Amino acid sequence: MTNNNDKMSREEAGRKGGETTAKNHDKEFYQEIGQKGGEATSENHDKEFYQEIGQKGGEATSENHDKEFYQEIGQKGGEATSENHDKEFYQEIGQKGGEATSENHGKEFYQEIGEKGGEARANQRDGDGSSDGSGNGKMSREEAGRKGGEKSRR
């Protein structure tokens, strides 16, 4: 489309220029300019910039995808991770996670989750009365969870 002076519009010029560039360059060219653009962007922007665009991207993705999408990509990611890592990898990341949790939470946190775990187990018992604290010498599951939570933080 041209304007009244037989001049090409910016849109048309951009499109034609893009088509010509695409004809004259290969995949490596685009990878190289993409890398240069990424490096320049990282030099000109801070952590907050990337957090903001990441959040916007995450929000847009969540608006366009349902629960099944996330289940599917989570499963694929989990399968790929398990194919590429061994038992020691999981032990190491489990230990790191436990250490980070320990550094970020106090004794009360562990007491609370111990009590909740004990309560949940007590609510799941099969009705045989063996863990009801009725003087049979056995500790209730709730009590065991609470005591375990206390002991782990001493």
N, C-alpha and C. Protein backbone atom coordinates (compact mmCIF):
# COMPACT_ATOMS: atom_id res chain seq x y z
N MET A 1 0.85 -1.18 0.00
CA MET A 1 0.00 0.00 0.00
C MET A 1 0.89 1.23 0.00
N THR A 2 0.56 2.20 -0.82
CA THR A 2 1.32 3.45 -0.89
C THR A 2 0.42 4.59 -0.51
N ASN A 3 1.06 5.69 -0.08
CA ASN A 3 0.24 6.85 0.25
C ASN A 3 0.05 7.71 -0.99
N ASN A 4 -0.50 8.88 -0.82
CA ASN A 4 -0.85 9.73 -1.96
C ASN A 4 0.36 10.20 -2.75
N ASN A 5 1.54 10.22 -2.18
CA ASN A 5 2.74 10.69 -2.88
C ASN A 5 3.52 9.54 -3.50
N ASP A 6 2.88 8.40 -3.70
CA ASP A 6 3.53 7.21 -4.24
C ASP A 6 4.71 6.76 -3.39
N LYS A 7 4.64 7.08 -2.10
CA LYS A 7 5.67 6.61 -1.17
C LYS A 7 5.14 5.39 -0.44
N MET A 8 6.04 4.50 -0.10
CA MET A 8 5.69 3.29 0.61
C MET A 8 5.42 3.62 2.07
N SER A 9 4.42 2.98 2.67
CA SER A 9 4.15 3.18 4.10
C SER A 9 5.27 2.54 4.92
N ARG A 10 5.40 2.96 6.15
CA ARG A 10 6.41 2.37 7.04
C ARG A 10 6.15 0.88 7.22
N GLU A 11 4.88 0.54 7.35
CA GLU A 11 4.51 -0.87 7.54
C GLU A 11 4.96 -1.70 6.35
N GLU A 12 4.67 -1.21 5.16
CA GLU A 12 5.05 -1.95 3.95
C GLU A 12 6.56 -2.02 3.79
N ALA A 13 7.24 -0.93 4.07
CA ALA A 13 8.71 -0.93 3.98
C ALA A 13 9.31 -1.90 4.98
N GLY A 14 8.77 -1.93 6.17
CA GLY A 14 9.27 -2.86 7.19
C GLY A 14 9.05 -4.29 6.79
N ARG A 15 7.87 -4.58 6.25
CA ARG A 15 7.57 -5.93 5.80
C ARG A 15 8.50 -6.36 4.69
N LYS A 16 8.70 -5.51 3.68
CA LYS A 16 9.58 -5.85 2.56
C LYS A 16 11.02 -6.01 3.02
N GLY A 17 11.45 -5.14 3.92
CA GLY A 17 12.80 -5.25 4.45
C GLY A 17 13.00 -6.54 5.22
N GLY A 18 12.00 -6.91 6.00
CA GLY A 18 12.06 -8.16 6.74
C GLY A 18 12.11 -9.37 5.83
N GLU A 19 11.32 -9.34 4.78
CA GLU A 19 11.32 -10.45 3.82
C GLU A 19 12.68 -10.57 3.13
N THR A 20 13.27 -9.44 2.74
CA THR A 20 14.58 -9.46 2.09
C THR A 20 15.65 -9.98 3.03
N THR A 21 15.61 -9.52 4.28
CA THR A 21 16.59 -9.97 5.27
C THR A 21 16.46 -11.48 5.48
N ALA A 22 15.23 -11.97 5.59
CA ALA A 22 15.00 -13.39 5.80
C ALA A 22 15.54 -14.22 4.64
N LYS A 23 15.46 -13.69 3.42
CA LYS A 23 15.98 -14.41 2.25
C LYS A 23 17.51 -14.46 2.25
N ASN A 24 18.15 -13.44 2.82
CA ASN A 24 19.59 -13.31 2.74
C ASN A 24 20.35 -13.88 3.94
N HIS A 25 19.65 -14.30 4.98
CA HIS A 25 20.34 -14.75 6.19
C HIS A 25 19.80 -16.09 6.67
N ASP A 26 20.68 -16.82 7.38
CA ASP A 26 20.33 -18.15 7.87
C ASP A 26 20.06 -18.14 9.38
N LYS A 27 19.80 -19.33 9.90
CA LYS A 27 19.46 -19.49 11.32
C LYS A 27 20.56 -18.93 12.23
N GLU A 28 21.82 -19.17 11.88
CA GLU A 28 22.93 -18.71 12.72
C GLU A 28 22.94 -17.19 12.84
N PHE A 29 22.58 -16.49 11.77
CA PHE A 29 22.52 -15.03 11.80
C PHE A 29 21.53 -14.57 12.86
N TYR A 30 20.35 -15.17 12.85
CA TYR A 30 19.31 -14.78 13.80
C TYR A 30 19.69 -15.17 15.23
N GLN A 31 20.36 -16.30 15.39
CA GLN A 31 20.82 -16.69 16.72
C GLN A 31 21.84 -15.68 17.24
N GLU A 32 22.74 -15.26 16.36
CA GLU A 32 23.77 -14.30 16.77
C GLU A 32 23.18 -12.95 17.16
N ILE A 33 22.26 -12.43 16.35
CA ILE A 33 21.70 -11.13 16.72
C ILE A 33 20.78 -11.26 17.93
N GLY A 34 20.16 -12.40 18.09
CA GLY A 34 19.35 -12.64 19.28
C GLY A 34 20.21 -12.65 20.52
N GLN A 35 21.36 -13.31 20.45
CA GLN A 35 22.27 -13.36 21.58
C GLN A 35 22.79 -11.97 21.91
N LYS A 36 23.16 -11.20 20.90
CA LYS A 36 23.64 -9.83 21.12
C LYS A 36 22.55 -8.97 21.77
N GLY A 37 21.33 -9.14 21.30
CA GLY A 37 20.22 -8.39 21.89
C GLY A 37 19.98 -8.78 23.34
N GLY A 38 20.07 -10.06 23.63
CA GLY A 38 19.91 -10.53 25.00
C GLY A 38 20.99 -10.00 25.92
N GLU A 39 22.23 -9.99 25.42
CA GLU A 39 23.34 -9.46 26.22
C GLU A 39 23.16 -7.96 26.48
N ALA A 40 22.76 -7.23 25.45
CA ALA A 40 22.55 -5.79 25.62
C ALA A 40 21.42 -5.53 26.61
N THR A 41 20.37 -6.31 26.51
CA THR A 41 19.25 -6.15 27.44
C THR A 41 19.69 -6.42 28.87
N SER A 42 20.47 -7.48 29.07
CA SER A 42 20.91 -7.81 30.42
C SER A 42 21.83 -6.74 31.00
N GLU A 43 22.57 -6.05 30.15
CA GLU A 43 23.44 -4.97 30.63
C GLU A 43 22.63 -3.73 31.01
N ASN A 44 21.47 -3.56 30.41
CA ASN A 44 20.67 -2.35 30.61
C ASN A 44 19.53 -2.51 31.61
N HIS A 45 19.31 -3.71 32.12
CA HIS A 45 18.18 -3.93 33.01
C HIS A 45 18.62 -4.70 34.25
N ASP A 46 17.88 -4.50 35.33
CA ASP A 46 18.21 -5.13 36.61
C ASP A 46 17.27 -6.30 36.91
N LYS A 47 17.48 -6.90 38.08
CA LYS A 47 16.72 -8.06 38.52
C LYS A 47 15.22 -7.77 38.52
N GLU A 48 14.83 -6.59 38.97
CA GLU A 48 13.41 -6.25 39.06
C GLU A 48 12.74 -6.25 37.69
N PHE A 49 13.48 -5.81 36.66
CA PHE A 49 12.96 -5.81 35.30
C PHE A 49 12.59 -7.24 34.89
N TYR A 50 13.49 -8.18 35.13
CA TYR A 50 13.24 -9.56 34.74
C TYR A 50 12.14 -10.19 35.60
N GLN A 51 12.06 -9.81 36.87
CA GLN A 51 10.98 -10.31 37.71
C GLN A 51 9.63 -9.83 37.18
N GLU A 52 9.59 -8.57 36.78
CA GLU A 52 8.34 -7.99 36.28
C GLU A 52 7.89 -8.65 34.98
N ILE A 53 8.83 -8.81 34.02
CA ILE A 53 8.41 -9.43 32.76
C ILE A 53 8.12 -10.91 32.96
N GLY A 54 8.81 -11.55 33.89
CA GLY A 54 8.51 -12.95 34.20
C GLY A 54 7.12 -13.10 34.78
N GLN A 55 6.76 -12.18 35.66
CA GLN A 55 5.43 -12.22 36.27
C GLN A 55 4.36 -11.98 35.20
N LYS A 56 4.59 -11.01 34.34
CA LYS A 56 3.62 -10.74 33.27
C LYS A 56 3.48 -11.96 32.36
N GLY A 57 4.60 -12.59 32.02
CA GLY A 57 4.54 -13.78 31.19
C GLY A 57 3.81 -14.92 31.87
N GLY A 58 4.06 -15.09 33.16
CA GLY A 58 3.37 -16.13 33.92
C GLY A 58 1.88 -15.89 33.99
N GLU A 59 1.49 -14.63 34.17
CA GLU A 59 0.06 -14.29 34.23
C GLU A 59 -0.60 -14.54 32.88
N ALA A 60 0.09 -14.15 31.80
CA ALA A 60 -0.48 -14.37 30.47
C ALA A 60 -0.62 -15.86 30.19
N THR A 61 0.39 -16.64 30.59
CA THR A 61 0.33 -18.08 30.38
C THR A 61 -0.82 -18.69 31.16
N SER A 62 -0.97 -18.26 32.41
CA SER A 62 -2.04 -18.85 33.23
C SER A 62 -3.42 -18.48 32.70
N GLU A 63 -3.54 -17.34 32.05
CA GLU A 63 -4.82 -16.95 31.47
C GLU A 63 -5.15 -17.79 30.24
N ASN A 64 -4.12 -18.29 29.57
CA ASN A 64 -4.31 -19.01 28.32
C ASN A 64 -4.29 -20.53 28.45
N HIS A 65 -3.99 -21.04 29.66
CA HIS A 65 -3.87 -22.48 29.84
C HIS A 65 -4.63 -22.94 31.07
N ASP A 66 -5.06 -24.19 31.03
CA ASP A 66 -5.83 -24.75 32.13
C ASP A 66 -5.00 -25.69 33.00
N LYS A 67 -5.63 -26.26 34.00
CA LYS A 67 -4.96 -27.15 34.95
C LYS A 67 -4.28 -28.32 34.24
N GLU A 68 -4.92 -28.87 33.24
CA GLU A 68 -4.37 -30.02 32.52
C GLU A 68 -3.05 -29.67 31.83
N PHE A 69 -2.95 -28.45 31.32
CA PHE A 69 -1.71 -28.00 30.69
C PHE A 69 -0.56 -28.06 31.68
N TYR A 70 -0.78 -27.54 32.88
CA TYR A 70 0.27 -27.52 33.89
C TYR A 70 0.59 -28.93 34.38
N GLN A 71 -0.43 -29.78 34.48
CA GLN A 71 -0.18 -31.17 34.87
C GLN A 71 0.69 -31.87 33.83
N GLU A 72 0.39 -31.62 32.56
CA GLU A 72 1.13 -32.27 31.48
C GLU A 72 2.58 -31.80 31.44
N ILE A 73 2.80 -30.50 31.53
CA ILE A 73 4.20 -30.03 31.47
C ILE A 73 4.95 -30.40 32.74
N GLY A 74 4.27 -30.45 33.86
CA GLY A 74 4.91 -30.89 35.09
C GLY A 74 5.32 -32.34 35.02
N GLN A 75 4.45 -33.16 34.46
CA GLN A 75 4.77 -34.59 34.31
C GLN A 75 5.94 -34.76 33.35
N LYS A 76 5.92 -34.05 32.23
CA LYS A 76 7.02 -34.16 31.27
C LYS A 76 8.33 -33.71 31.91
N GLY A 77 8.29 -32.63 32.65
CA GLY A 77 9.50 -32.15 33.32
C GLY A 77 10.00 -33.14 34.35
N GLY A 78 9.10 -33.71 35.12
CA GLY A 78 9.49 -34.71 36.11
C GLY A 78 10.09 -35.94 35.47
N GLU A 79 9.51 -36.39 34.36
CA GLU A 79 10.04 -37.56 33.67
C GLU A 79 11.42 -37.27 33.09
N ALA A 80 11.58 -36.10 32.49
CA ALA A 80 12.88 -35.74 31.93
C ALA A 80 13.93 -35.64 33.03
N THR A 81 13.56 -35.06 34.16
CA THR A 81 14.50 -34.94 35.27
C THR A 81 14.89 -36.31 35.79
N SER A 82 13.91 -37.21 35.96
CA SER A 82 14.23 -38.53 36.50
C SER A 82 15.08 -39.34 35.53
N GLU A 83 14.94 -39.10 34.23
CA GLU A 83 15.76 -39.81 33.25
C GLU A 83 17.21 -39.32 33.29
N ASN A 84 17.40 -38.07 33.70
CA ASN A 84 18.73 -37.47 33.66
C ASN A 84 19.46 -37.45 34.99
N HIS A 85 18.81 -37.92 36.06
CA HIS A 85 19.43 -37.85 37.38
C HIS A 85 19.25 -39.17 38.14
N ASP A 86 20.20 -39.40 39.05
CA ASP A 86 20.18 -40.63 39.83
C ASP A 86 19.76 -40.37 41.27
N LYS A 87 19.78 -41.42 42.07
CA LYS A 87 19.37 -41.35 43.47
C LYS A 87 20.14 -40.29 44.25
N GLU A 88 21.45 -40.18 44.00
CA GLU A 88 22.28 -39.22 44.72
C GLU A 88 21.83 -37.78 44.46
N PHE A 89 21.39 -37.50 43.23
CA PHE A 89 20.90 -36.17 42.90
C PHE A 89 19.71 -35.80 43.78
N TYR A 90 18.78 -36.73 43.91
CA TYR A 90 17.59 -36.47 44.72
C TYR A 90 17.94 -36.36 46.20
N GLN A 91 18.91 -37.16 46.64
CA GLN A 91 19.34 -37.05 48.03
C GLN A 91 19.95 -35.68 48.29
N GLU A 92 20.76 -35.21 47.33
CA GLU A 92 21.43 -33.91 47.49
C GLU A 92 20.42 -32.76 47.50
N ILE A 93 19.47 -32.77 46.57
CA ILE A 93 18.52 -31.65 46.55
C ILE A 93 17.57 -31.74 47.74
N GLY A 94 17.28 -32.96 48.20
CA GLY A 94 16.45 -33.11 49.40
C GLY A 94 17.16 -32.55 50.62
N GLN A 95 18.45 -32.83 50.71
CA GLN A 95 19.22 -32.31 51.84
C GLN A 95 19.29 -30.79 51.78
N LYS A 96 19.54 -30.23 50.59
CA LYS A 96 19.59 -28.77 50.45
C LYS A 96 18.25 -28.14 50.82
N GLY A 97 17.16 -28.77 50.39
CA GLY A 97 15.83 -28.25 50.73
C GLY A 97 15.58 -28.31 52.22
N GLY A 98 15.99 -29.40 52.84
CA GLY A 98 15.83 -29.53 54.29
C GLY A 98 16.65 -28.50 55.04
N GLU A 99 17.88 -28.26 54.57
CA GLU A 99 18.73 -27.26 55.22
C GLU A 99 18.14 -25.86 55.06
N ALA A 100 17.65 -25.55 53.86
CA ALA A 100 17.06 -24.23 53.63
C ALA A 100 15.82 -24.05 54.50
N THR A 101 15.00 -25.08 54.59
CA THR A 101 13.81 -25.01 55.43
C THR A 101 14.20 -24.81 56.88
N SER A 102 15.21 -25.52 57.32
CA SER A 102 15.68 -25.41 58.70
C SER A 102 16.19 -24.00 59.00
N GLU A 103 16.88 -23.40 58.03
CA GLU A 103 17.40 -22.05 58.22
C GLU A 103 16.29 -21.00 58.25
N ASN A 104 15.19 -21.28 57.59
CA ASN A 104 14.12 -20.29 57.45
C ASN A 104 12.99 -20.45 58.46
N HIS A 105 13.01 -21.52 59.26
CA HIS A 105 11.92 -21.76 60.19
C HIS A 105 12.46 -22.08 61.57
N GLY A 106 11.72 -21.67 62.57
CA GLY A 106 12.11 -21.90 63.94
C GLY A 106 11.48 -23.14 64.53
N LYS A 107 11.75 -23.36 65.80
CA LYS A 107 11.27 -24.52 66.54
C LYS A 107 9.75 -24.64 66.46
N GLU A 108 9.05 -23.52 66.54
CA GLU A 108 7.59 -23.53 66.54
C GLU A 108 7.04 -24.13 65.24
N PHE A 109 7.71 -23.85 64.14
CA PHE A 109 7.27 -24.38 62.85
C PHE A 109 7.26 -25.91 62.88
N TYR A 110 8.35 -26.48 63.38
CA TYR A 110 8.45 -27.94 63.42
C TYR A 110 7.47 -28.54 64.43
N GLN A 111 7.25 -27.85 65.52
CA GLN A 111 6.26 -28.33 66.48
C GLN A 111 4.88 -28.34 65.85
N GLU A 112 4.58 -27.28 65.12
CA GLU A 112 3.26 -27.17 64.50
C GLU A 112 3.04 -28.25 63.44
N ILE A 113 4.04 -28.45 62.57
CA ILE A 113 3.83 -29.48 61.54
C ILE A 113 3.86 -30.88 62.16
N GLY A 114 4.62 -31.05 63.23
CA GLY A 114 4.61 -32.34 63.92
C GLY A 114 3.24 -32.62 64.52
N GLU A 115 2.65 -31.61 65.13
CA GLU A 115 1.32 -31.77 65.71
C GLU A 115 0.28 -32.03 64.62
N LYS A 116 0.36 -31.29 63.53
CA LYS A 116 -0.59 -31.50 62.43
C LYS A 116 -0.46 -32.91 61.87
N GLY A 117 0.78 -33.36 61.72
CA GLY A 117 0.99 -34.72 61.22
C GLY A 117 0.43 -35.75 62.18
N GLY A 118 0.66 -35.52 63.46
CA GLY A 118 0.12 -36.44 64.46
C GLY A 118 -1.39 -36.45 64.46
N GLU A 119 -2.00 -35.29 64.34
CA GLU A 119 -3.47 -35.20 64.31
C GLU A 119 -4.01 -35.90 63.07
N ALA A 120 -3.36 -35.70 61.95
CA ALA A 120 -3.83 -36.33 60.71
C ALA A 120 -3.75 -37.84 60.82
N ARG A 121 -2.66 -38.33 61.39
CA ARG A 121 -2.52 -39.78 61.57
C ARG A 121 -3.57 -40.31 62.55
N ALA A 122 -3.82 -39.56 63.61
CA ALA A 122 -4.81 -40.00 64.59
C ALA A 122 -6.19 -40.06 63.95
N ASN A 123 -6.48 -39.13 63.08
CA ASN A 123 -7.78 -39.11 62.40
C ASN A 123 -7.90 -40.23 61.37
N GLN A 124 -6.79 -40.78 60.95
CA GLN A 124 -6.80 -41.85 59.95
C GLN A 124 -6.83 -43.24 60.58
N ARG A 125 -6.63 -43.36 61.87
CA ARG A 125 -6.53 -44.69 62.49
C ARG A 125 -7.79 -45.50 62.21
N ASP A 126 -7.64 -46.79 62.27
CA ASP A 126 -8.70 -47.67 61.81
C ASP A 126 -9.72 -48.03 62.89
N GLY A 127 -9.73 -47.34 63.99
CA GLY A 127 -10.76 -47.56 64.99
C GLY A 127 -10.47 -48.67 65.96
N ASP A 128 -9.22 -49.17 66.01
CA ASP A 128 -8.93 -50.25 66.95
C ASP A 128 -8.65 -49.76 68.36
N GLY A 129 -8.57 -48.43 68.53
CA GLY A 129 -8.40 -47.86 69.86
C GLY A 129 -7.00 -47.98 70.41
N SER A 130 -6.07 -48.50 69.64
CA SER A 130 -4.73 -48.74 70.17
C SER A 130 -3.92 -47.48 70.36
N SER A 131 -4.33 -46.38 69.76
CA SER A 131 -3.54 -45.16 69.90
C SER A 131 -4.36 -44.04 70.52
N ASP A 132 -5.29 -44.37 71.37
CA ASP A 132 -6.16 -43.34 71.94
C ASP A 132 -5.70 -42.83 73.29
N GLY A 133 -4.54 -43.27 73.75
CA GLY A 133 -4.02 -42.78 75.02
C GLY A 133 -4.83 -43.25 76.21
N SER A 134 -5.41 -44.40 76.15
CA SER A 134 -6.31 -44.88 77.20
C SER A 134 -5.59 -45.65 78.30
N GLY A 135 -4.30 -45.41 78.45
CA GLY A 135 -3.58 -46.06 79.53
C GLY A 135 -3.02 -47.42 79.18
N ASN A 136 -2.95 -47.74 77.91
CA ASN A 136 -2.43 -49.03 77.52
C ASN A 136 -0.91 -49.01 77.33
N GLY A 137 -0.26 -47.93 77.73
CA GLY A 137 1.19 -47.82 77.65
C GLY A 137 1.70 -47.35 76.30
N LYS A 138 0.82 -47.13 75.35
CA LYS A 138 1.24 -46.67 74.03
C LYS A 138 0.95 -45.18 73.88
N MET A 139 1.83 -44.49 73.21
CA MET A 139 1.67 -43.07 72.97
C MET A 139 0.74 -42.88 71.77
N SER A 140 -0.13 -41.88 71.82
CA SER A 140 -1.00 -41.60 70.68
C SER A 140 -0.14 -41.09 69.52
N ARG A 141 -0.64 -41.22 68.33
CA ARG A 141 0.09 -40.73 67.15
C ARG A 141 0.24 -39.22 67.22
N GLU A 142 -0.78 -38.55 67.69
CA GLU A 142 -0.72 -37.10 67.84
C GLU A 142 0.41 -36.72 68.79
N GLU A 143 0.48 -37.39 69.92
CA GLU A 143 1.54 -37.12 70.91
C GLU A 143 2.91 -37.44 70.32
N ALA A 144 3.02 -38.53 69.59
CA ALA A 144 4.30 -38.91 68.97
C ALA A 144 4.73 -37.84 67.97
N GLY A 145 3.78 -37.32 67.18
CA GLY A 145 4.10 -36.27 66.21
C GLY A 145 4.56 -35.00 66.90
N ARG A 146 3.87 -34.63 67.99
CA ARG A 146 4.25 -33.42 68.72
C ARG A 146 5.64 -33.58 69.32
N LYS A 147 5.88 -34.71 69.95
CA LYS A 147 7.18 -34.95 70.58
C LYS A 147 8.29 -35.03 69.53
N GLY A 148 7.98 -35.63 68.39
CA GLY A 148 8.97 -35.71 67.32
C GLY A 148 9.32 -34.32 66.80
N GLY A 149 8.32 -33.46 66.67
CA GLY A 149 8.56 -32.08 66.23
C GLY A 149 9.41 -31.33 67.23
N GLU A 150 9.15 -31.54 68.51
CA GLU A 150 9.95 -30.87 69.55
C GLU A 150 11.38 -31.38 69.53
N LYS A 151 11.55 -32.67 69.42
CA LYS A 151 12.88 -33.29 69.49
C LYS A 151 13.75 -32.88 68.30
N SER A 152 13.15 -32.77 67.11
CA SER A 152 13.95 -32.47 65.92
C SER A 152 14.54 -31.07 65.94
N ARG A 153 14.03 -30.18 66.75
CA ARG A 153 14.54 -28.80 66.78
C ARG A 153 15.40 -28.51 68.01
N ARG A 154 15.65 -29.48 68.84
CA ARG A 154 16.47 -29.24 70.05
C ARG A 154 17.93 -29.18 69.72
